[in-house]
Amino acid sequence: MDSIFRIAAQSNHRYVGELIVSSLLADEPMILQAIGVKAVYQAVKATATANDALQAQNGSIVMTPGFCDVDIDGEIRTAVRFTLTLVSAPGGASNLDGPGAL
C-alpha cells in the first residue's frame, strides 16, 4: 500500500523531501495530501527538494495531482493529493542504489 503523508502549512519541506527520497528508493510510491494553499506549496517544495536529490542519482519523480474529499470534524473538505513515483533517467541509465533500484 502507498504511504499517505498529510502535509500542513507548517511542514518542513526538507524533512518531507527526505521522507520522499527514502520511500521512493525503497520502491514505495507515496501520496502527499494537503488542504490549503500553504500546505500545497509545502508539498510541492518537498517534492522539488526530493527530485533534486534523486536527479544526482539519475532518478526523477513523476508527480500526479488529484483531488479527494476528507472528513475533518464532520465537515467535508477537498484535499489535493499528489501521487509520487520514481522513474529512471531516459534510456534506462540509472545508478540508483537501494532495494528499489531501477
PDB file of N, CA and C in Angstrom:
ATOM      1  N   MET A   1       0.841  -1.195   0.000  1.00  0.00           N
ATOM      2  CA  MET A   1       0.000   0.000   0.000  1.00  0.00           C
ATOM      3  C   MET A   1       0.874   1.242   0.000  1.00  0.00           C
ATOM      4  N   ASP A   2       0.430   2.252  -0.695  1.00  0.00           N
ATOM      5  CA  ASP A   2       1.171   3.505  -0.761  1.00  0.00           C
ATOM      6  C   ASP A   2       1.124   4.223   0.582  1.00  0.00           C
ATOM      7  N   SER A   3       2.203   4.921   0.912  1.00  0.00           N
ATOM      8  CA  SER A   3       2.252   5.732   2.124  1.00  0.00           C
ATOM      9  C   SER A   3       1.536   7.045   1.861  1.00  0.00           C
ATOM     10  N   ILE A   4       0.662   7.445   2.784  1.00  0.00           N
ATOM     11  CA  ILE A   4      -0.030   8.724   2.670  1.00  0.00           C
ATOM     12  C   ILE A   4       0.482   9.638   3.767  1.00  0.00           C
ATOM     13  N   PHE A   5       1.023  10.779   3.363  1.00  0.00           N
ATOM     14  CA  PHE A   5       1.528  11.765   4.315  1.00  0.00           C
ATOM     15  C   PHE A   5       0.678  13.019   4.208  1.00  0.00           C
ATOM     16  N   ARG A   6       0.153  13.440   5.339  1.00  0.00           N
ATOM     17  CA  ARG A   6      -0.632  14.676   5.388  1.00  0.00           C
ATOM     18  C   ARG A   6       0.328  15.833   5.601  1.00  0.00           C
ATOM     19  N   ILE A   7       0.304  16.765   4.684  1.00  0.00           N
ATOM     20  CA  ILE A   7       1.210  17.908   4.731  1.00  0.00           C
ATOM     21  C   ILE A   7       0.450  19.119   5.262  1.00  0.00           C
ATOM     22  N   ALA A   8       1.062  19.820   6.210  1.00  0.00           N
ATOM     23  CA  ALA A   8       0.479  21.032   6.784  1.00  0.00           C
ATOM     24  C   ALA A   8       1.264  22.248   6.309  1.00  0.00           C
ATOM     25  N   ALA A   9       0.688  23.410   6.514  1.00  0.00           N
ATOM     26  CA  ALA A   9       1.366  24.655   6.142  1.00  0.00           C
ATOM     27  C   ALA A   9       2.691  24.794   6.880  1.00  0.00           C
ATOM     28  N   GLN A  10       2.783  24.207   8.080  1.00  0.00           N
ATOM     29  CA  GLN A  10       3.997  24.316   8.887  1.00  0.00           C
ATOM     30  C   GLN A  10       4.986  23.172   8.646  1.00  0.00           C
ATOM     31  N   SER A  11       4.680  22.252   7.747  1.00  0.00           N
ATOM     32  CA  SER A  11       5.575  21.121   7.487  1.00  0.00           C
ATOM     33  C   SER A  11       6.926  21.612   6.979  1.00  0.00           C
ATOM     34  N   ASN A  12       7.982  20.952   7.423  1.00  0.00           N
ATOM     35  CA  ASN A  12       9.340  21.273   6.988  1.00  0.00           C
ATOM     36  C   ASN A  12       9.584  20.576   5.645  1.00  0.00           C
ATOM     37  N   HIS A  13       9.698  21.348   4.568  1.00  0.00           N
ATOM     38  CA  HIS A  13       9.825  20.743   3.240  1.00  0.00           C
ATOM     39  C   HIS A  13      11.094  19.909   3.093  1.00  0.00           C
ATOM     40  N   ARG A  14      12.156  20.248   3.793  1.00  0.00           N
ATOM     41  CA  ARG A  14      13.392  19.451   3.699  1.00  0.00           C
ATOM     42  C   ARG A  14      13.202  18.076   4.340  1.00  0.00           C
ATOM     43  N   TYR A  15      12.553  18.048   5.501  1.00  0.00           N
ATOM     44  CA  TYR A  15      12.293  16.780   6.181  1.00  0.00           C
ATOM     45  C   TYR A  15      11.361  15.906   5.337  1.00  0.00           C
ATOM     46  N   VAL A  16      10.292  16.502   4.818  1.00  0.00           N
ATOM     47  CA  VAL A  16       9.362  15.748   3.978  1.00  0.00           C
ATOM     48  C   VAL A  16      10.080  15.268   2.712  1.00  0.00           C
ATOM     49  N   GLY A  17      10.956  16.094   2.151  1.00  0.00           N
ATOM     50  CA  GLY A  17      11.737  15.693   0.984  1.00  0.00           C
ATOM     51  C   GLY A  17      12.587  14.462   1.256  1.00  0.00           C
ATOM     52  N   GLU A  18      13.199  14.412   2.446  1.00  0.00           N
ATOM     53  CA  GLU A  18      13.990  13.236   2.829  1.00  0.00           C
ATOM     54  C   GLU A  18      13.104  11.998   2.947  1.00  0.00           C
ATOM     55  N   LEU A  19      11.898  12.160   3.494  1.00  0.00           N
ATOM     56  CA  LEU A  19      10.961  11.034   3.582  1.00  0.00           C
ATOM     57  C   LEU A  19      10.565  10.537   2.193  1.00  0.00           C
ATOM     58  N   ILE A  20      10.365  11.470   1.279  1.00  0.00           N
ATOM     59  CA  ILE A  20      10.010  11.101  -0.093  1.00  0.00           C
ATOM     60  C   ILE A  20      11.128  10.275  -0.722  1.00  0.00           C
ATOM     61  N   VAL A  21      12.366  10.741  -0.603  1.00  0.00           N
ATOM     62  CA  VAL A  21      13.509  10.018  -1.171  1.00  0.00           C
ATOM     63  C   VAL A  21      13.595   8.620  -0.573  1.00  0.00           C
ATOM     64  N   SER A  22      13.501   8.508   0.749  1.00  0.00           N
ATOM     65  CA  SER A  22      13.586   7.201   1.416  1.00  0.00           C
ATOM     66  C   SER A  22      12.506   6.255   0.919  1.00  0.00           C
ATOM     67  N   SER A  23      11.291   6.748   0.852  1.00  0.00           N
ATOM     68  CA  SER A  23      10.176   5.913   0.426  1.00  0.00           C
ATOM     69  C   SER A  23      10.328   5.467  -1.025  1.00  0.00           C
ATOM     70  N   LEU A  24      10.670   6.406  -1.901  1.00  0.00           N
ATOM     71  CA  LEU A  24      10.781   6.060  -3.318  1.00  0.00           C
ATOM     72  C   LEU A  24      11.957   5.129  -3.592  1.00  0.00           C
ATOM     73  N   LEU A  25      13.073   5.311  -2.886  1.00  0.00           N
ATOM     74  CA  LEU A  25      14.219   4.411  -3.075  1.00  0.00           C
ATOM     75  C   LEU A  25      13.917   3.007  -2.551  1.00  0.00           C
ATOM     76  N   ALA A  26      12.964   2.903  -1.629  1.00  0.00           N
ATOM     77  CA  ALA A  26      12.532   1.596  -1.131  1.00  0.00           C
ATOM     78  C   ALA A  26      11.441   1.012  -2.031  1.00  0.00           C
ATOM     79  N   ASP A  27      11.238   1.634  -3.193  1.00  0.00           N
ATOM     80  CA  ASP A  27      10.255   1.191  -4.186  1.00  0.00           C
ATOM     81  C   ASP A  27       8.833   1.259  -3.646  1.00  0.00           C
ATOM     82  N   GLU A  28       8.567   2.291  -2.836  1.00  0.00           N
ATOM     83  CA  GLU A  28       7.239   2.508  -2.278  1.00  0.00           C
ATOM     84  C   GLU A  28       6.711   3.860  -2.757  1.00  0.00           C
ATOM     85  N   PRO A  29       5.774   3.857  -3.705  1.00  0.00           N
ATOM     86  CA  PRO A  29       5.189   5.132  -4.124  1.00  0.00           C
ATOM     87  C   PRO A  29       4.568   5.848  -2.928  1.00  0.00           C
ATOM     88  N   MET A  30       4.512   7.168  -2.981  1.00  0.00           N
ATOM     89  CA  MET A  30       3.970   7.968  -1.883  1.00  0.00           C
ATOM     90  C   MET A  30       2.801   8.800  -2.352  1.00  0.00           C
ATOM     91  N   ILE A  31       1.948   9.131  -1.401  1.00  0.00           N
ATOM     92  CA  ILE A  31       0.876  10.087  -1.648  1.00  0.00           C
ATOM     93  C   ILE A  31       1.022  11.203  -0.629  1.00  0.00           C
ATOM     94  N   LEU A  32       1.110  12.434  -1.126  1.00  0.00           N
ATOM     95  CA  LEU A  32       1.106  13.613  -0.268  1.00  0.00           C
ATOM     96  C   LEU A  32      -0.292  14.207  -0.344  1.00  0.00           C
ATOM     97  N   GLN A  33      -0.865  14.514   0.810  1.00  0.00           N
ATOM     98  CA  GLN A  33      -2.215  15.071   0.863  1.00  0.00           C
ATOM     99  C   GLN A  33      -2.162  16.405   1.581  1.00  0.00           C
ATOM    100  N   ALA A  34      -2.737  17.437   0.977  1.00  0.00           N
ATOM    101  CA  ALA A  34      -2.662  18.784   1.542  1.00  0.00           C
ATOM    102  C   ALA A  34      -3.989  19.509   1.373  1.00  0.00           C
ATOM    103  N   ILE A  35      -4.336  20.291   2.399  1.00  0.00           N
ATOM    104  CA  ILE A  35      -5.525  21.137   2.346  1.00  0.00           C
ATOM    105  C   ILE A  35      -5.065  22.570   2.573  1.00  0.00           C
ATOM    106  N   GLY A  36      -5.354  23.433   1.622  1.00  0.00           N
ATOM    107  CA  GLY A  36      -4.973  24.838   1.737  1.00  0.00           C
ATOM    108  C   GLY A  36      -3.748  25.152   0.899  1.00  0.00           C
ATOM    109  N   VAL A  37      -3.688  26.401   0.465  1.00  0.00           N
ATOM    110  CA  VAL A  37      -2.633  26.814  -0.459  1.00  0.00           C
ATOM    111  C   VAL A  37      -1.239  26.686   0.161  1.00  0.00           C
ATOM    112  N   LYS A  38      -1.077  27.020   1.428  1.00  0.00           N
ATOM    113  CA  LYS A  38       0.248  26.940   2.052  1.00  0.00           C
ATOM    114  C   LYS A  38       0.705  25.495   2.199  1.00  0.00           C
ATOM    115  N   ALA A  39      -0.215  24.600   2.519  1.00  0.00           N
ATOM    116  CA  ALA A  39       0.136  23.183   2.630  1.00  0.00           C
ATOM    117  C   ALA A  39       0.489  22.603   1.262  1.00  0.00           C
ATOM    118  N   VAL A  40      -0.261  22.987   0.229  1.00  0.00           N
ATOM    119  CA  VAL A  40       0.044  22.528  -1.130  1.00  0.00           C
ATOM    120  C   VAL A  40       1.424  23.031  -1.544  1.00  0.00           C
ATOM    121  N   TYR A  41       1.732  24.272  -1.212  1.00  0.00           N
ATOM    122  CA  TYR A  41       3.041  24.844  -1.528  1.00  0.00           C
ATOM    123  C   TYR A  41       4.160  24.051  -0.845  1.00  0.00           C
ATOM    124  N   GLN A  42       3.971  23.674   0.418  1.00  0.00           N
ATOM    125  CA  GLN A  42       4.977  22.881   1.131  1.00  0.00           C
ATOM    126  C   GLN A  42       5.157  21.515   0.460  1.00  0.00           C
ATOM    127  N   ALA A  43       4.067  20.912   0.007  1.00  0.00           N
ATOM    128  CA  ALA A  43       4.148  19.612  -0.667  1.00  0.00           C
ATOM    129  C   ALA A  43       4.934  19.721  -1.971  1.00  0.00           C
ATOM    130  N   VAL A  44       4.694  20.790  -2.721  1.00  0.00           N
ATOM    131  CA  VAL A  44       5.415  20.991  -3.983  1.00  0.00           C
ATOM    132  C   VAL A  44       6.894  21.249  -3.712  1.00  0.00           C
ATOM    133  N   LYS A  45       7.211  22.074  -2.702  1.00  0.00           N
ATOM    134  CA  LYS A  45       8.620  22.333  -2.363  1.00  0.00           C
ATOM    135  C   LYS A  45       9.318  21.052  -1.910  1.00  0.00           C
ATOM    136  N   ALA A  46       8.634  20.227  -1.119  1.00  0.00           N
ATOM    137  CA  ALA A  46       9.228  18.968  -0.660  1.00  0.00           C
ATOM    138  C   ALA A  46       9.517  18.049  -1.838  1.00  0.00           C
ATOM    139  N   THR A  47       8.595  17.995  -2.792  1.00  0.00           N
ATOM    140  CA  THR A  47       8.794  17.151  -3.971  1.00  0.00           C
ATOM    141  C   THR A  47       9.950  17.666  -4.818  1.00  0.00           C
ATOM    142  N   ALA A  48      10.054  18.978  -4.976  1.00  0.00           N
ATOM    143  CA  ALA A  48      11.170  19.560  -5.733  1.00  0.00           C
ATOM    144  C   ALA A  48      12.500  19.264  -5.050  1.00  0.00           C
ATOM    145  N   THR A  49      12.531  19.362  -3.726  1.00  0.00           N
ATOM    146  CA  THR A  49      13.746  19.054  -2.964  1.00  0.00           C
ATOM    147  C   THR A  49      14.151  17.599  -3.170  1.00  0.00           C
ATOM    148  N   ALA A  50      13.170  16.690  -3.083  1.00  0.00           N
ATOM    149  CA  ALA A  50      13.446  15.265  -3.280  1.00  0.00           C
ATOM    150  C   ALA A  50      13.894  14.990  -4.708  1.00  0.00           C
ATOM    151  N   ASN A  51      13.268  15.637  -5.670  1.00  0.00           N
ATOM    152  CA  ASN A  51      13.635  15.426  -7.068  1.00  0.00           C
ATOM    153  C   ASN A  51      15.070  15.866  -7.334  1.00  0.00           C
ATOM    154  N   ASP A  52      15.475  16.992  -6.748  1.00  0.00           N
ATOM    155  CA  ASP A  52      16.865  17.446  -6.890  1.00  0.00           C
ATOM    156  C   ASP A  52      17.834  16.392  -6.372  1.00  0.00           C
ATOM    157  N   ALA A  53      17.523  15.812  -5.219  1.00  0.00           N
ATOM    158  CA  ALA A  53      18.395  14.782  -4.636  1.00  0.00           C
ATOM    159  C   ALA A  53      18.442  13.538  -5.521  1.00  0.00           C
ATOM    160  N   LEU A  54      17.316  13.149  -6.081  1.00  0.00           N
ATOM    161  CA  LEU A  54      17.268  11.941  -6.904  1.00  0.00           C
ATOM    162  C   LEU A  54      17.903  12.139  -8.277  1.00  0.00           C
ATOM    163  N   GLN A  55      17.875  13.362  -8.808  1.00  0.00           N
ATOM    164  CA  GLN A  55      18.494  13.616 -10.111  1.00  0.00           C
ATOM    165  C   GLN A  55      19.998  13.392 -10.063  1.00  0.00           C
ATOM    166  N   ALA A  56      20.608  13.593  -8.909  1.00  0.00           N
ATOM    167  CA  ALA A  56      22.040  13.324  -8.766  1.00  0.00           C
ATOM    168  C   ALA A  56      22.332  11.834  -8.931  1.00  0.00           C
ATOM    169  N   GLN A  57      21.291  11.002  -8.792  1.00  0.00           N
ATOM    170  CA  GLN A  57      21.432   9.552  -8.940  1.00  0.00           C
ATOM    171  C   GLN A  57      20.713   9.059 -10.205  1.00  0.00           C
ATOM    172  N   ASN A  58      20.491   9.970 -11.151  1.00  0.00           N
ATOM    173  CA  ASN A  58      19.821   9.656 -12.421  1.00  0.00           C
ATOM    174  C   ASN A  58      18.384   9.194 -12.241  1.00  0.00           C
ATOM    175  N   GLY A  59      17.727   9.670 -11.207  1.00  0.00           N
ATOM    176  CA  GLY A  59      16.316   9.365 -10.997  1.00  0.00           C
ATOM    177  C   GLY A  59      15.491  10.625 -11.133  1.00  0.00           C
ATOM    178  N   SER A  60      14.205  10.439 -11.227  1.00  0.00           N
ATOM    179  CA  SER A  60      13.298  11.571 -11.340  1.00  0.00           C
ATOM    180  C   SER A  60      11.952  11.172 -10.755  1.00  0.00           C
ATOM    181  N   ILE A  61      11.230  12.168 -10.264  1.00  0.00           N
ATOM    182  CA  ILE A  61       9.919  11.922  -9.669  1.00  0.00           C
ATOM    183  C   ILE A  61       8.833  12.305 -10.663  1.00  0.00           C
ATOM    184  N   VAL A  62       7.852  11.429 -10.799  1.00  0.00           N
ATOM    185  CA  VAL A  62       6.632  11.749 -11.528  1.00  0.00           C
ATOM    186  C   VAL A  62       5.589  12.092 -10.472  1.00  0.00           C
ATOM    187  N   MET A  63       5.014  13.289 -10.594  1.00  0.00           N
ATOM    188  CA  MET A  63       4.042  13.786  -9.623  1.00  0.00           C
ATOM    189  C   MET A  63       2.690  13.898 -10.317  1.00  0.00           C
ATOM    190  N   THR A  64       1.717  13.102  -9.867  1.00  0.00           N
ATOM    191  CA  THR A  64       0.385  13.105 -10.458  1.00  0.00           C
ATOM    192  C   THR A  64      -0.599  13.730  -9.476  1.00  0.00           C
ATOM    193  N   PRO A  65      -1.161  14.895  -9.817  1.00  0.00           N
ATOM    194  CA  PRO A  65      -2.092  15.556  -8.902  1.00  0.00           C
ATOM    195  C   PRO A  65      -3.518  15.027  -9.047  1.00  0.00           C
ATOM    196  N   GLY A  66      -4.275  15.199  -7.974  1.00  0.00           N
ATOM    197  CA  GLY A  66      -5.686  14.823  -7.993  1.00  0.00           C
ATOM    198  C   GLY A  66      -6.390  15.433  -6.792  1.00  0.00           C
ATOM    199  N   PHE A  67      -7.681  15.208  -6.703  1.00  0.00           N
ATOM    200  CA  PHE A  67      -8.470  15.718  -5.589  1.00  0.00           C
ATOM    201  C   PHE A  67      -9.102  14.564  -4.836  1.00  0.00           C
ATOM    202  N   CYS A  68      -9.383  14.775  -3.555  1.00  0.00           N
ATOM    203  CA  CYS A  68     -10.128  13.808  -2.763  1.00  0.00           C
ATOM    204  C   CYS A  68     -10.893  14.565  -1.682  1.00  0.00           C
ATOM    205  N   ASP A  69     -11.984  13.966  -1.225  1.00  0.00           N
ATOM    206  CA  ASP A  69     -12.757  14.549  -0.136  1.00  0.00           C
ATOM    207  C   ASP A  69     -12.282  13.955   1.181  1.00  0.00           C
ATOM    208  N   VAL A  70     -12.133  14.813   2.185  1.00  0.00           N
ATOM    209  CA  VAL A  70     -11.651  14.406   3.503  1.00  0.00           C
ATOM    210  C   VAL A  70     -12.641  14.907   4.546  1.00  0.00           C
ATOM    211  N   ASP A  71     -12.997  14.036   5.496  1.00  0.00           N
ATOM    212  CA  ASP A  71     -13.889  14.422   6.588  1.00  0.00           C
ATOM    213  C   ASP A  71     -13.044  14.926   7.752  1.00  0.00           C
ATOM    214  N   ILE A  72     -13.199  16.199   8.077  1.00  0.00           N
ATOM    215  CA  ILE A  72     -12.484  16.796   9.205  1.00  0.00           C
ATOM    216  C   ILE A  72     -13.522  17.335  10.177  1.00  0.00           C
ATOM    217  N   ASP A  73     -13.636  16.674  11.325  1.00  0.00           N
ATOM    218  CA  ASP A  73     -14.598  17.074  12.358  1.00  0.00           C
ATOM    219  C   ASP A  73     -16.010  17.216  11.802  1.00  0.00           C
ATOM    220  N   GLY A  74     -16.422  16.255  10.981  1.00  0.00           N
ATOM    221  CA  GLY A  74     -17.768  16.249  10.431  1.00  0.00           C
ATOM    222  C   GLY A  74     -17.970  17.150   9.229  1.00  0.00           C
ATOM    223  N   GLU A  75     -16.944  17.846   8.818  1.00  0.00           N
ATOM    224  CA  GLU A  75     -17.025  18.736   7.660  1.00  0.00           C
ATOM    225  C   GLU A  75     -16.215  18.134   6.512  1.00  0.00           C
ATOM    226  N   ILE A  76     -16.840  18.058   5.343  1.00  0.00           N
ATOM    227  CA  ILE A  76     -16.147  17.523   4.167  1.00  0.00           C
ATOM    228  C   ILE A  76     -15.331  18.646   3.530  1.00  0.00           C
ATOM    229  N   ARG A  77     -14.031  18.384   3.392  1.00  0.00           N
ATOM    230  CA  ARG A  77     -13.118  19.345   2.761  1.00  0.00           C
ATOM    231  C   ARG A  77     -12.487  18.669   1.548  1.00  0.00           C
ATOM    232  N   THR A  78     -12.103  19.463   0.576  1.00  0.00           N
ATOM    233  CA  THR A  78     -11.412  18.944  -0.600  1.00  0.00           C
ATOM    234  C   THR A  78      -9.913  19.094  -0.394  1.00  0.00           C
ATOM    235  N   ALA A  79      -9.208  17.986  -0.534  1.00  0.00           N
ATOM    236  CA  ALA A  79      -7.752  17.988  -0.403  1.00  0.00           C
ATOM    237  C   ALA A  79      -7.130  17.770  -1.776  1.00  0.00           C
ATOM    238  N   VAL A  80      -5.923  18.264  -1.930  1.00  0.00           N
ATOM    239  CA  VAL A  80      -5.139  17.982  -3.131  1.00  0.00           C
ATOM    240  C   VAL A  80      -4.239  16.808  -2.793  1.00  0.00           C
ATOM    241  N   ARG A  81      -4.235  15.810  -3.656  1.00  0.00           N
ATOM    242  CA  ARG A  81      -3.377  14.636  -3.467  1.00  0.00           C
ATOM    243  C   ARG A  81      -2.364  14.580  -4.595  1.00  0.00           C
ATOM    244  N   PHE A  82      -1.113  14.370  -4.214  1.00  0.00           N
ATOM    245  CA  PHE A  82      -0.043  14.193  -5.184  1.00  0.00           C
ATOM    246  C   PHE A  82       0.478  12.769  -5.037  1.00  0.00           C
ATOM    247  N   THR A  83       0.360  11.965  -6.093  1.00  0.00           N
ATOM    248  CA  THR A  83       0.924  10.622  -6.091  1.00  0.00           C
ATOM    249  C   THR A  83       2.315  10.709  -6.702  1.00  0.00           C
ATOM    250  N   LEU A  84       3.309  10.240  -5.950  1.00  0.00           N
ATOM    251  CA  LEU A  84       4.710  10.345  -6.370  1.00  0.00           C
ATOM    252  C   LEU A  84       5.269   8.967  -6.686  1.00  0.00           C
ATOM    253  N   THR A  85       5.912   8.843  -7.840  1.00  0.00           N
ATOM    254  CA  THR A  85       6.594   7.611  -8.222  1.00  0.00           C
ATOM    255  C   THR A  85       7.982   7.951  -8.750  1.00  0.00           C
ATOM    256  N   LEU A  86       8.874   7.001  -8.647  1.00  0.00           N
ATOM    257  CA  LEU A  86      10.260   7.172  -9.084  1.00  0.00           C
ATOM    258  C   LEU A  86      10.448   6.529 -10.445  1.00  0.00           C
ATOM    259  N   VAL A  87      11.108   7.245 -11.341  1.00  0.00           N
ATOM    260  CA  VAL A  87      11.463   6.698 -12.647  1.00  0.00           C
ATOM    261  C   VAL A  87      12.949   6.928 -12.873  1.00  0.00           C
ATOM    262  N   SER A  88      13.537   6.095 -13.725  1.00  0.00           N
ATOM    263  CA  SER A  88      14.951   6.275 -14.048  1.00  0.00           C
ATOM    264  C   SER A  88      15.085   7.298 -15.163  1.00  0.00           C
ATOM    265  N   ALA A  89      16.308   7.696 -15.409  1.00  0.00           N
ATOM    266  CA  ALA A  89      16.593   8.648 -16.480  1.00  0.00           C
ATOM    267  C   ALA A  89      16.253   8.016 -17.825  1.00  0.00           C
ATOM    268  N   PRO A  90      15.923   8.839 -18.836  1.00  0.00           N
ATOM    269  CA  PRO A  90      15.643   8.292 -20.165  1.00  0.00           C
ATOM    270  C   PRO A  90      16.792   7.417 -20.649  1.00  0.00           C
ATOM    271  N   GLY A  91      16.449   6.333 -21.284  1.00  0.00           N
ATOM    272  CA  GLY A  91      17.459   5.409 -21.783  1.00  0.00           C
ATOM    273  C   GLY A  91      17.830   4.353 -20.762  1.00  0.00           C
ATOM    274  N   GLY A  92      17.216   4.427 -19.575  1.00  0.00           N
ATOM    275  CA  GLY A  92      17.459   3.420 -18.555  1.00  0.00           C
ATOM    276  C   GLY A  92      18.791   3.547 -17.857  1.00  0.00           C
ATOM    277  N   ALA A  93      19.534   4.637 -18.105  1.00  0.00           N
ATOM    278  CA  ALA A  93      20.835   4.818 -17.460  1.00  0.00           C
ATOM    279  C   ALA A  93      20.615   5.246 -16.022  1.00  0.00           C
ATOM    280  N   SER A  94      20.628   4.284 -15.128  1.00  0.00           N
ATOM    281  CA  SER A  94      20.360   4.587 -13.727  1.00  0.00           C
ATOM    282  C   SER A  94      21.413   3.949 -12.844  1.00  0.00           C
ATOM    283  N   ASN A  95      21.852   4.687 -11.850  1.00  0.00           N
ATOM    284  CA  ASN A  95      22.766   4.109 -10.869  1.00  0.00           C
ATOM    285  C   ASN A  95      22.180   4.262  -9.472  1.00  0.00           C
ATOM    286  N   LEU A  96      20.837   4.200  -9.376  1.00  0.00           N
ATOM    287  CA  LEU A  96      20.177   4.321  -8.085  1.00  0.00           C
ATOM    288  C   LEU A  96      20.547   3.137  -7.211  1.00  0.00           C
ATOM    289  N   ASP A  97      20.880   3.430  -5.974  1.00  0.00           N
ATOM    290  CA  ASP A  97      21.221   2.385  -5.019  1.00  0.00           C
ATOM    291  C   ASP A  97      20.000   2.051  -4.181  1.00  0.00           C
ATOM    292  N   GLY A  98      20.016   0.898  -3.553  1.00  0.00           N
ATOM    293  CA  GLY A  98      18.955   0.530  -2.629  1.00  0.00           C
ATOM    294  C   GLY A  98      18.070  -0.558  -3.195  1.00  0.00           C
ATOM    295  N   PRO A  99      17.165  -1.056  -2.350  1.00  0.00           N
ATOM    296  CA  PRO A  99      16.324  -2.173  -2.759  1.00  0.00           C
ATOM    297  C   PRO A  99      15.377  -1.829  -3.900  1.00  0.00           C
ATOM    298  N   GLY A 100      15.057  -0.556  -4.072  1.00  0.00           N
ATOM    299  CA  GLY A 100      14.144  -0.169  -5.133  1.00  0.00           C
ATOM    300  C   GLY A 100      14.849   0.319  -6.376  1.00  0.00           C
ATOM    301  N   ALA A 101      16.124  -0.024  -6.529  1.00  0.00           N
ATOM    302  CA  ALA A 101      16.902   0.457  -7.672  1.00  0.00           C
ATOM    303  C   ALA A 101      16.252   0.015  -8.970  1.00  0.00           C
ATOM    304  N   LEU A 102      16.272   0.922  -9.924  1.00  0.00           N
ATOM    305  CA  LEU A 102      15.668   0.628 -11.231  1.00  0.00           C
ATOM    306  C   LEU A 102      16.692   0.042 -12.168  1.00  0.00           C
TER     307      LEU A 102
END
